């Protein structure tokens, strides 16, 4: 019985795990060349710095956008709940506090 429950739990949770992009990224920091006097190596290093910065900025913007979307969705759900409570529940009478014995 426990094995069946564990399998069902894994099946239910697996789509949630796949719902988000993994936190890893493809941004790779360049290595400073040993010979600072070699213009070709230095120019390549500067180009790699720009590529790295662009990658990091892109990932940052992606995550900030995702966070904003999550926040907006959360606010919409809370508004939906508040509207339901305001229009469909008579909280003091339907749910008295403390509960009556």
PDB file of N, CA and C in Angstrom:
ATOM      1  N   UNK A   1       0.826  -1.194   0.000  1.00  0.00           N
ATOM      2  CA  UNK A   1       0.000   0.000   0.000  1.00  0.00           C
ATOM      3  C   UNK A   1       0.868   1.255   0.000  1.00  0.00           C
ATOM      4  N   UNK A   2       1.942   1.229   0.805  1.00  0.00           N
ATOM      5  CA  UNK A   2       2.834   2.389   0.857  1.00  0.00           C
ATOM      6  C   UNK A   2       3.523   2.627  -0.484  1.00  0.00           C
ATOM      7  N   UNK A   3       3.856   1.555  -1.189  1.00  0.00           N
ATOM      8  CA  UNK A   3       4.510   1.701  -2.490  1.00  0.00           C
ATOM      9  C   UNK A   3       3.570   2.368  -3.490  1.00  0.00           C
ATOM     10  N   UNK A   4       2.313   1.978  -3.464  1.00  0.00           N
ATOM     11  CA  UNK A   4       1.328   2.572  -4.381  1.00  0.00           C
ATOM     12  C   UNK A   4       1.163   4.051  -4.070  1.00  0.00           C
ATOM     13  N   UNK A   5       1.096   4.376  -2.781  1.00  0.00           N
ATOM     14  CA  UNK A   5       0.964   5.773  -2.381  1.00  0.00           C
ATOM     15  C   UNK A   5       2.186   6.581  -2.823  1.00  0.00           C
ATOM     16  N   UNK A   6       3.365   6.016  -2.664  1.00  0.00           N
ATOM     17  CA  UNK A   6       4.592   6.707  -3.075  1.00  0.00           C
ATOM     18  C   UNK A   6       4.622   6.923  -4.584  1.00  0.00           C
ATOM     19  N   UNK A   7       4.194   5.934  -5.351  1.00  0.00           N
ATOM     20  CA  UNK A   7       4.164   6.065  -6.811  1.00  0.00           C
ATOM     21  C   UNK A   7       3.158   7.139  -7.225  1.00  0.00           C
ATOM     22  N   UNK A   8       1.985   7.136  -6.622  1.00  0.00           N
ATOM     23  CA  UNK A   8       0.979   8.153  -6.931  1.00  0.00           C
ATOM     24  C   UNK A   8       1.472   9.550  -6.578  1.00  0.00           C
ATOM     25  N   UNK A   9       2.170   9.662  -5.454  1.00  0.00           N
ATOM     26  CA  UNK A   9       2.716  10.953  -5.047  1.00  0.00           C
ATOM     27  C   UNK A   9       3.749  11.445  -6.048  1.00  0.00           C
ATOM     28  N   UNK A  10       4.612  10.555  -6.526  1.00  0.00           N
ATOM     29  CA  UNK A  10       5.627  10.946  -7.512  1.00  0.00           C
ATOM     30  C   UNK A  10       4.972  11.372  -8.825  1.00  0.00           C
ATOM     31  N   UNK A  11       3.914  10.685  -9.216  1.00  0.00           N
ATOM     32  CA  UNK A  11       3.219  11.042 -10.455  1.00  0.00           C
ATOM     33  C   UNK A  11       2.567  12.414 -10.319  1.00  0.00           C
ATOM     34  N   UNK A  12       2.000  12.703  -9.163  1.00  0.00           N
ATOM     35  CA  UNK A  12       1.330  13.985  -8.959  1.00  0.00           C
ATOM     36  C   UNK A  12       2.317  15.138  -8.848  1.00  0.00           C
ATOM     37  N   UNK A  13       3.483  14.898  -8.278  1.00  0.00           N
ATOM     38  CA  UNK A  13       4.456  15.963  -8.040  1.00  0.00           C
ATOM     39  C   UNK A  13       5.320  16.221  -9.267  1.00  0.00           C
ATOM     40  N   UNK A  14       5.557  15.230 -10.104  1.00  0.00           N
ATOM     41  CA  UNK A  14       6.482  15.400 -11.220  1.00  0.00           C
ATOM     42  C   UNK A  14       6.113  16.537 -12.172  1.00  0.00           C
ATOM     43  N   UNK A  15       4.842  16.777 -12.509  1.00  0.00           N
ATOM     44  CA  UNK A  15       4.552  17.935 -13.371  1.00  0.00           C
ATOM     45  C   UNK A  15       4.911  19.260 -12.708  1.00  0.00           C
ATOM     46  N   UNK A  16       4.792  19.341 -11.382  1.00  0.00           N
ATOM     47  CA  UNK A  16       5.146  20.567 -10.684  1.00  0.00           C
ATOM     48  C   UNK A  16       6.642  20.832 -10.766  1.00  0.00           C
ATOM     49  N   UNK A  17       7.417  19.782 -10.689  1.00  0.00           N
ATOM     50  CA  UNK A  17       8.865  19.929 -10.785  1.00  0.00           C
ATOM     51  C   UNK A  17       9.253  20.417 -12.172  1.00  0.00           C
ATOM     52  N   UNK A  18       8.573  19.965 -13.188  1.00  0.00           N
ATOM     53  CA  UNK A  18       8.899  20.336 -14.555  1.00  0.00           C
ATOM     54  C   UNK A  18       8.299  21.682 -14.965  1.00  0.00           C
ATOM     55  N   UNK A  19       7.502  22.292 -14.100  1.00  0.00           N
ATOM     56  CA  UNK A  19       6.807  23.522 -14.459  1.00  0.00           C
ATOM     57  C   UNK A  19       7.733  24.728 -14.527  1.00  0.00           C
ATOM     58  N   UNK A  20       8.865  24.668 -13.874  1.00  0.00           N
ATOM     59  CA  UNK A  20       9.784  25.796 -13.850  1.00  0.00           C
ATOM     60  C   UNK A  20      11.093  25.439 -14.524  1.00  0.00           C
ATOM     61  N   UNK A  21      11.699  26.452 -15.100  1.00  0.00           N
ATOM     62  CA  UNK A  21      13.025  26.276 -15.684  1.00  0.00           C
ATOM     63  C   UNK A  21      14.007  25.992 -14.555  1.00  0.00           C
ATOM     64  N   UNK A  22      14.922  25.060 -14.759  1.00  0.00           N
ATOM     65  CA  UNK A  22      15.925  24.809 -13.712  1.00  0.00           C
ATOM     66  C   UNK A  22      16.712  26.080 -13.417  1.00  0.00           C
ATOM     67  N   UNK A  23      17.208  26.192 -12.226  1.00  0.00           N
ATOM     68  CA  UNK A  23      17.919  27.389 -11.816  1.00  0.00           C
ATOM     69  C   UNK A  23      19.321  27.467 -12.426  1.00  0.00           C
ATOM     70  N   UNK A  24      19.807  26.381 -13.017  1.00  0.00           N
ATOM     71  CA  UNK A  24      21.127  26.464 -13.629  1.00  0.00           C
ATOM     72  C   UNK A  24      21.061  27.352 -14.863  1.00  0.00           C
ATOM     73  N   UNK A  25      22.203  27.747 -15.347  1.00  0.00           N
ATOM     74  CA  UNK A  25      22.251  28.656 -16.483  1.00  0.00           C
ATOM     75  C   UNK A  25      23.465  28.321 -17.332  1.00  0.00           C
ATOM     76  N   UNK A  26      23.511  28.905 -18.500  1.00  0.00           N
ATOM     77  CA  UNK A  26      24.609  28.643 -19.424  1.00  0.00           C
ATOM     78  C   UNK A  26      25.629  29.777 -19.415  1.00  0.00           C
ATOM     79  N   UNK A  27      25.519  30.700 -18.499  1.00  0.00           N
ATOM     80  CA  UNK A  27      26.460  31.820 -18.427  1.00  0.00           C
ATOM     81  C   UNK A  27      27.790  31.329 -17.849  1.00  0.00           C
ATOM     82  N   UNK A  28      28.842  31.567 -18.580  1.00  0.00           N
ATOM     83  CA  UNK A  28      30.162  31.113 -18.142  1.00  0.00           C
ATOM     84  C   UNK A  28      31.085  32.319 -18.057  1.00  0.00           C
ATOM     85  N   UNK A  29      31.651  32.540 -16.877  1.00  0.00           N
ATOM     86  CA  UNK A  29      32.566  33.663 -16.682  1.00  0.00           C
ATOM     87  C   UNK A  29      33.870  33.401 -17.435  1.00  0.00           C
ATOM     88  N   UNK A  30      34.352  34.413 -18.140  1.00  0.00           N
ATOM     89  CA  UNK A  30      35.608  34.225 -18.868  1.00  0.00           C
ATOM     90  C   UNK A  30      36.808  34.222 -17.917  1.00  0.00           C
ATOM     91  N   UNK A  31      37.878  33.601 -18.367  1.00  0.00           N
ATOM     92  CA  UNK A  31      39.112  33.596 -17.576  1.00  0.00           C
ATOM     93  C   UNK A  31      40.043  34.670 -18.107  1.00  0.00           C
ATOM     94  N   UNK A  32      40.573  35.428 -17.181  1.00  0.00           N
ATOM     95  CA  UNK A  32      41.501  36.493 -17.553  1.00  0.00           C
ATOM     96  C   UNK A  32      42.755  35.857 -18.155  1.00  0.00           C
ATOM     97  N   UNK A  33      43.229  36.394 -19.276  1.00  0.00           N
ATOM     98  CA  UNK A  33      44.428  35.813 -19.884  1.00  0.00           C
ATOM     99  C   UNK A  33      45.665  36.045 -19.020  1.00  0.00           C
ATOM    100  N   UNK A  34      46.559  35.079 -19.039  1.00  0.00           N
ATOM    101  CA  UNK A  34      47.802  35.191 -18.270  1.00  0.00           C
ATOM    102  C   UNK A  34      48.660  36.350 -18.785  1.00  0.00           C
ATOM    103  N   UNK A  35      48.651  36.515 -20.087  1.00  0.00           N
ATOM    104  CA  UNK A  35      49.482  37.546 -20.716  1.00  0.00           C
ATOM    105  C   UNK A  35      48.615  38.756 -21.060  1.00  0.00           C
ATOM    106  N   UNK A  36      48.651  39.771 -20.189  1.00  0.00           N
ATOM    107  CA  UNK A  36      47.857  40.980 -20.421  1.00  0.00           C
ATOM    108  C   UNK A  36      48.367  41.794 -21.605  1.00  0.00           C
ATOM    109  N   UNK A  37      49.561  41.505 -22.059  1.00  0.00           N
ATOM    110  CA  UNK A  37      50.162  42.276 -23.149  1.00  0.00           C
ATOM    111  C   UNK A  37      49.794  41.726 -24.528  1.00  0.00           C
ATOM    112  N   UNK A  38      49.203  40.540 -24.574  1.00  0.00           N
ATOM    113  CA  UNK A  38      48.810  39.946 -25.852  1.00  0.00           C
ATOM    114  C   UNK A  38      47.468  40.559 -26.261  1.00  0.00           C
ATOM    115  N   UNK A  39      47.497  41.415 -27.262  1.00  0.00           N
ATOM    116  CA  UNK A  39      46.289  42.142 -27.673  1.00  0.00           C
ATOM    117  C   UNK A  39      45.176  41.217 -28.150  1.00  0.00           C
ATOM    118  N   UNK A  40      45.513  40.175 -28.870  1.00  0.00           N
ATOM    119  CA  UNK A  40      44.496  39.256 -29.382  1.00  0.00           C
ATOM    120  C   UNK A  40      43.781  38.558 -28.229  1.00  0.00           C
ATOM    121  N   UNK A  41      44.562  38.078 -27.241  1.00  0.00           N
ATOM    122  CA  UNK A  41      43.944  37.410 -26.088  1.00  0.00           C
ATOM    123  C   UNK A  41      43.120  38.407 -25.272  1.00  0.00           C
ATOM    124  N   UNK A  42      43.645  39.613 -25.111  1.00  0.00           N
ATOM    125  CA  UNK A  42      42.930  40.610 -24.321  1.00  0.00           C
ATOM    126  C   UNK A  42      41.625  41.020 -25.000  1.00  0.00           C
ATOM    127  N   UNK A  43      41.640  41.219 -26.303  1.00  0.00           N
ATOM    128  CA  UNK A  43      40.419  41.573 -27.031  1.00  0.00           C
ATOM    129  C   UNK A  43      39.383  40.458 -26.951  1.00  0.00           C
ATOM    130  N   UNK A  44      39.843  39.216 -27.013  1.00  0.00           N
ATOM    131  CA  UNK A  44      38.932  38.075 -26.882  1.00  0.00           C
ATOM    132  C   UNK A  44      38.331  38.053 -25.475  1.00  0.00           C
ATOM    133  N   UNK A  45      39.147  38.350 -24.465  1.00  0.00           N
ATOM    134  CA  UNK A  45      38.682  38.407 -23.081  1.00  0.00           C
ATOM    135  C   UNK A  45      37.608  39.485 -22.922  1.00  0.00           C
ATOM    136  N   UNK A  46      37.836  40.654 -23.495  1.00  0.00           N
ATOM    137  CA  UNK A  46      36.858  41.748 -23.412  1.00  0.00           C
ATOM    138  C   UNK A  46      35.556  41.336 -24.108  1.00  0.00           C
ATOM    139  N   UNK A  47      35.659  40.680 -25.254  1.00  0.00           N
ATOM    140  CA  UNK A  47      34.458  40.208 -25.954  1.00  0.00           C
ATOM    141  C   UNK A  47      33.720  39.169 -25.108  1.00  0.00           C
ATOM    142  N   UNK A  48      34.477  38.285 -24.459  1.00  0.00           N
ATOM    143  CA  UNK A  48      33.866  37.268 -23.592  1.00  0.00           C
ATOM    144  C   UNK A  48      33.189  37.909 -22.383  1.00  0.00           C
ATOM    145  N   UNK A  49      33.770  38.997 -21.870  1.00  0.00           N
ATOM    146  CA  UNK A  49      33.144  39.719 -20.756  1.00  0.00           C
ATOM    147  C   UNK A  49      31.785  40.253 -21.200  1.00  0.00           C
ATOM    148  N   UNK A  50      31.731  40.830 -22.377  1.00  0.00           N
ATOM    149  CA  UNK A  50      30.459  41.366 -22.884  1.00  0.00           C
ATOM    150  C   UNK A  50      29.423  40.262 -23.060  1.00  0.00           C
ATOM    151  N   UNK A  51      29.853  39.123 -23.580  1.00  0.00           N
ATOM    152  CA  UNK A  51      28.944  37.987 -23.753  1.00  0.00           C
ATOM    153  C   UNK A  51      28.424  37.499 -22.400  1.00  0.00           C
ATOM    154  N   UNK A  52      29.325  37.395 -21.429  1.00  0.00           N
ATOM    155  CA  UNK A  52      28.952  36.951 -20.083  1.00  0.00           C
ATOM    156  C   UNK A  52      27.964  37.933 -19.453  1.00  0.00           C
ATOM    157  N   UNK A  53      28.245  39.238 -19.555  1.00  0.00           N
ATOM    158  CA  UNK A  53      27.363  40.256 -18.990  1.00  0.00           C
ATOM    159  C   UNK A  53      25.978  40.194 -19.640  1.00  0.00           C
ATOM    160  N   UNK A  54      25.936  40.039 -20.969  1.00  0.00           N
ATOM    161  CA  UNK A  54      24.654  39.939 -21.669  1.00  0.00           C
ATOM    162  C   UNK A  54      23.869  38.720 -21.202  1.00  0.00           C
ATOM    163  N   UNK A  55      24.550  37.600 -21.021  1.00  0.00           N
ATOM    164  CA  UNK A  55      23.896  36.372 -20.556  1.00  0.00           C
ATOM    165  C   UNK A  55      23.307  36.573 -19.162  1.00  0.00           C
ATOM    166  N   UNK A  56      24.109  37.154 -18.265  1.00  0.00           N
ATOM    167  CA  UNK A  56      23.650  37.373 -16.895  1.00  0.00           C
ATOM    168  C   UNK A  56      22.465  38.340 -16.879  1.00  0.00           C
ATOM    169  N   UNK A  57      22.552  39.410 -17.660  1.00  0.00           N
ATOM    170  CA  UNK A  57      21.442  40.367 -17.713  1.00  0.00           C
ATOM    171  C   UNK A  57      20.173  39.721 -18.264  1.00  0.00           C
ATOM    172  N   UNK A  58      20.323  38.882 -19.282  1.00  0.00           N
ATOM    173  CA  UNK A  58      19.155  38.187 -19.846  1.00  0.00           C
ATOM    174  C   UNK A  58      18.501  37.289 -18.797  1.00  0.00           C
ATOM    175  N   UNK A  59      19.309  36.518 -18.079  1.00  0.00           N
ATOM    176  CA  UNK A  59      18.746  35.630 -17.047  1.00  0.00           C
ATOM    177  C   UNK A  59      18.089  36.434 -15.936  1.00  0.00           C
ATOM    178  N   UNK A  60      18.719  37.548 -15.548  1.00  0.00           N
ATOM    179  CA  UNK A  60      18.153  38.392 -14.504  1.00  0.00           C
ATOM    180  C   UNK A  60      16.795  38.935 -14.952  1.00  0.00           C
ATOM    181  N   UNK A  61      16.724  39.438 -16.179  1.00  0.00           N
ATOM    182  CA  UNK A  61      15.460  39.974 -16.691  1.00  0.00           C
ATOM    183  C   UNK A  61      14.397  38.887 -16.783  1.00  0.00           C
ATOM    184  N   UNK A  62      14.793  37.677 -17.188  1.00  0.00           N
ATOM    185  CA  UNK A  62      13.837  36.570 -17.290  1.00  0.00           C
ATOM    186  C   UNK A  62      13.257  36.260 -15.917  1.00  0.00           C
ATOM    187  N   UNK A  63      14.121  36.168 -14.903  1.00  0.00           N
ATOM    188  CA  UNK A  63      13.647  35.831 -13.558  1.00  0.00           C
ATOM    189  C   UNK A  63      12.815  36.968 -12.960  1.00  0.00           C
ATOM    190  N   UNK A  64      13.196  38.207 -13.220  1.00  0.00           N
ATOM    191  CA  UNK A  64      12.403  39.328 -12.722  1.00  0.00           C
ATOM    192  C   UNK A  64      11.019  39.331 -13.371  1.00  0.00           C
ATOM    193  N   UNK A  65      10.961  39.038 -14.652  1.00  0.00           N
ATOM    194  CA  UNK A  65       9.677  38.970 -15.348  1.00  0.00           C
ATOM    195  C   UNK A  65       8.820  37.841 -14.783  1.00  0.00           C
ATOM    196  N   UNK A  66       9.446  36.691 -14.548  1.00  0.00           N
ATOM    197  CA  UNK A  66       8.705  35.557 -13.977  1.00  0.00           C
ATOM    198  C   UNK A  66       8.194  35.900 -12.585  1.00  0.00           C
ATOM    199  N   UNK A  67       9.019  36.579 -11.782  1.00  0.00           N
ATOM    200  CA  UNK A  67       8.595  36.968 -10.434  1.00  0.00           C
ATOM    201  C   UNK A  67       7.419  37.938 -10.506  1.00  0.00           C
ATOM    202  N   UNK A  68       7.468  38.872 -11.443  1.00  0.00           N
ATOM    203  CA  UNK A  68       6.367  39.822 -11.595  1.00  0.00           C
ATOM    204  C   UNK A  68       5.087  39.099 -12.015  1.00  0.00           C
ATOM    205  N   UNK A  69       5.217  38.153 -12.931  1.00  0.00           N
ATOM    206  CA  UNK A  69       4.047  37.381 -13.366  1.00  0.00           C
ATOM    207  C   UNK A  69       3.466  36.589 -12.209  1.00  0.00           C
ATOM    208  N   UNK A  70       4.331  35.954 -11.404  1.00  0.00           N
ATOM    209  CA  UNK A  70       3.848  35.194 -10.244  1.00  0.00           C
ATOM    210  C   UNK A  70       3.140  36.120  -9.253  1.00  0.00           C
ATOM    211  N   UNK A  71       3.707  37.292  -9.037  1.00  0.00           N
ATOM    212  CA  UNK A  71       3.107  38.234  -8.099  1.00  0.00           C
ATOM    213  C   UNK A  71       1.739  38.697  -8.596  1.00  0.00           C
ATOM    214  N   UNK A  72       1.639  39.011  -9.880  1.00  0.00           N
ATOM    215  CA  UNK A  72       0.352  39.435 -10.447  1.00  0.00           C
ATOM    216  C   UNK A  72      -0.682  38.321 -10.356  1.00  0.00           C
ATOM    217  N   UNK A  73      -0.263  37.078 -10.637  1.00  0.00           N
ATOM    218  CA  UNK A  73      -1.195  35.946 -10.532  1.00  0.00           C
ATOM    219  C   UNK A  73      -1.663  35.758  -9.097  1.00  0.00           C
ATOM    220  N   UNK A  74      -0.750  35.914  -8.145  1.00  0.00           N
ATOM    221  CA  UNK A  74      -1.123  35.782  -6.732  1.00  0.00           C
ATOM    222  C   UNK A  74      -2.127  36.858  -6.342  1.00  0.00           C
ATOM    223  N   UNK A  75      -1.899  38.083  -6.803  1.00  0.00           N
ATOM    224  CA  UNK A  75      -2.832  39.169  -6.490  1.00  0.00           C
ATOM    225  C   UNK A  75      -4.207  38.908  -7.098  1.00  0.00           C
ATOM    226  N   UNK A  76      -4.252  38.353  -8.299  1.00  0.00           N
ATOM    227  CA  UNK A  76      -5.532  38.039  -8.933  1.00  0.00           C
ATOM    228  C   UNK A  76      -6.292  36.981  -8.135  1.00  0.00           C
ATOM    229  N   UNK A  77      -5.584  35.974  -7.664  1.00  0.00           N
ATOM    230  CA  UNK A  77      -6.232  34.911  -6.894  1.00  0.00           C
ATOM    231  C   UNK A  77      -6.751  35.457  -5.571  1.00  0.00           C
ATOM    232  N   UNK A  78      -5.962  36.288  -4.918  1.00  0.00           N
ATOM    233  CA  UNK A  78      -6.405  36.879  -3.652  1.00  0.00           C
ATOM    234  C   UNK A  78      -7.625  37.770  -3.890  1.00  0.00           C
ATOM    235  N   UNK A  79      -7.611  38.530  -4.980  1.00  0.00           N
ATOM    236  CA  UNK A  79      -8.776  39.368  -5.307  1.00  0.00           C
ATOM    237  C   UNK A  79     -10.016  38.505  -5.555  1.00  0.00           C
ATOM    238  N   UNK A  80      -9.827  37.385  -6.238  1.00  0.00           N
ATOM    239  CA  UNK A  80     -10.941  36.464  -6.477  1.00  0.00           C
ATOM    240  C   UNK A  80     -11.501  35.946  -5.152  1.00  0.00           C
ATOM    241  N   UNK A  81     -10.605  35.572  -4.235  1.00  0.00           N
ATOM    242  CA  UNK A  81     -11.039  35.086  -2.924  1.00  0.00           C
ATOM    243  C   UNK A  81     -11.763  36.208  -2.163  1.00  0.00           C
ATOM    244  N   UNK A  82     -11.204  37.400  -2.160  1.00  0.00           N
ATOM    245  CA  UNK A  82     -11.827  38.509  -1.440  1.00  0.00           C
ATOM    246  C   UNK A  82     -13.202  38.837  -2.010  1.00  0.00           C
ATOM    247  N   UNK A  83     -13.325  38.796  -3.324  1.00  0.00           N
ATOM    248  CA  UNK A  83     -14.633  39.032  -3.955  1.00  0.00           C
ATOM    249  C   UNK A  83     -15.640  37.955  -3.537  1.00  0.00           C
ATOM    250  N   UNK A  84     -15.191  36.705  -3.502  1.00  0.00           N
ATOM    251  CA  UNK A  84     -16.058  35.612  -3.067  1.00  0.00           C
ATOM    252  C   UNK A  84     -16.510  35.818  -1.626  1.00  0.00           C
ATOM    253  N   UNK A  85     -15.574  36.164  -0.764  1.00  0.00           N
ATOM    254  CA  UNK A  85     -15.917  36.376   0.646  1.00  0.00           C
ATOM    255  C   UNK A  85     -16.890  37.539   0.779  1.00  0.00           C
ATOM    256  N   UNK A  86     -16.630  38.629   0.062  1.00  0.00           N
ATOM    257  CA  UNK A  86     -17.466  39.813   0.159  1.00  0.00           C
ATOM    258  C   UNK A  86     -18.880  39.573  -0.376  1.00  0.00           C
ATOM    259  N   UNK A  87     -19.013  38.772  -1.448  1.00  0.00           N
ATOM    260  CA  UNK A  87     -20.321  38.620  -2.089  1.00  0.00           C
ATOM    261  C   UNK A  87     -21.064  37.345  -1.702  1.00  0.00           C
ATOM    262  N   UNK A  88     -20.355  36.320  -1.231  1.00  0.00           N
ATOM    263  CA  UNK A  88     -21.011  35.031  -1.014  1.00  0.00           C
ATOM    264  C   UNK A  88     -21.015  34.550   0.423  1.00  0.00           C
ATOM    265  N   UNK A  89     -20.219  35.147   1.262  1.00  0.00           N
ATOM    266  CA  UNK A  89     -20.171  34.688   2.647  1.00  0.00           C
ATOM    267  C   UNK A  89     -20.659  35.778   3.584  1.00  0.00           C
ATOM    268  N   UNK A  90     -21.347  35.338   4.560  1.00  0.00           N
ATOM    269  CA  UNK A  90     -21.715  36.217   5.658  1.00  0.00           C
ATOM    270  C   UNK A  90     -20.867  35.737   6.829  1.00  0.00           C
ATOM    271  N   UNK A  91     -19.623  36.178   6.851  1.00  0.00           N
ATOM    272  CA  UNK A  91     -18.617  35.589   7.728  1.00  0.00           C
ATOM    273  C   UNK A  91     -19.024  35.513   9.195  1.00  0.00           C
ATOM    274  N   UNK A  92     -19.539  36.563   9.807  1.00  0.00           N
ATOM    275  CA  UNK A  92     -19.856  36.398  11.229  1.00  0.00           C
ATOM    276  C   UNK A  92     -20.925  35.334  11.487  1.00  0.00           C
ATOM    277  N   UNK A  93     -21.929  35.258  10.624  1.00  0.00           N
ATOM    278  CA  UNK A  93     -22.998  34.286  10.868  1.00  0.00           C
ATOM    279  C   UNK A  93     -22.624  32.889  10.364  1.00  0.00           C
ATOM    280  N   UNK A  94     -21.987  32.810   9.193  1.00  0.00           N
ATOM    281  CA  UNK A  94     -21.652  31.506   8.626  1.00  0.00           C
ATOM    282  C   UNK A  94     -20.468  30.852   9.326  1.00  0.00           C
ATOM    283  N   UNK A  95     -19.545  31.668   9.787  1.00  0.00           N
ATOM    284  CA  UNK A  95     -18.336  31.154  10.430  1.00  0.00           C
ATOM    285  C   UNK A  95     -18.065  31.942  11.709  1.00  0.00           C
ATOM    286  N   UNK A  96     -18.865  31.711  12.747  1.00  0.00           N
ATOM    287  CA  UNK A  96     -18.673  32.482  13.986  1.00  0.00           C
ATOM    288  C   UNK A  96     -17.337  32.129  14.646  1.00  0.00           C
ATOM    289  N   UNK A  97     -16.770  33.124  15.311  1.00  0.00           N
ATOM    290  CA  UNK A  97     -15.519  32.891  16.047  1.00  0.00           C
ATOM    291  C   UNK A  97     -15.662  33.482  17.422  1.00  0.00           C
ATOM    292  N   UNK A  98     -15.338  32.779  18.429  1.00  0.00           N
ATOM    293  CA  UNK A  98     -14.905  31.386  18.426  1.00  0.00           C
ATOM    294  C   UNK A  98     -16.064  30.463  18.082  1.00  0.00           C
ATOM    295  N   UNK A  99     -15.729  29.276  17.576  1.00  0.00           N
ATOM    296  CA  UNK A  99     -16.791  28.336  17.160  1.00  0.00           C
ATOM    297  C   UNK A  99     -17.718  28.015  18.323  1.00  0.00           C
ATOM    298  N   UNK A 100     -19.003  27.871  17.984  1.00  0.00           N
ATOM    299  CA  UNK A 100     -19.985  27.507  19.010  1.00  0.00           C
ATOM    300  C   UNK A 100     -19.838  26.031  19.329  1.00  0.00           C
ATOM    301  N   UNK A 101     -20.059  25.667  20.568  1.00  0.00           N
ATOM    302  CA  UNK A 101     -19.958  24.248  20.979  1.00  0.00           C
ATOM    303  C   UNK A 101     -21.149  23.460  20.543  1.00  0.00           C
TER     304      UNK A 101
END
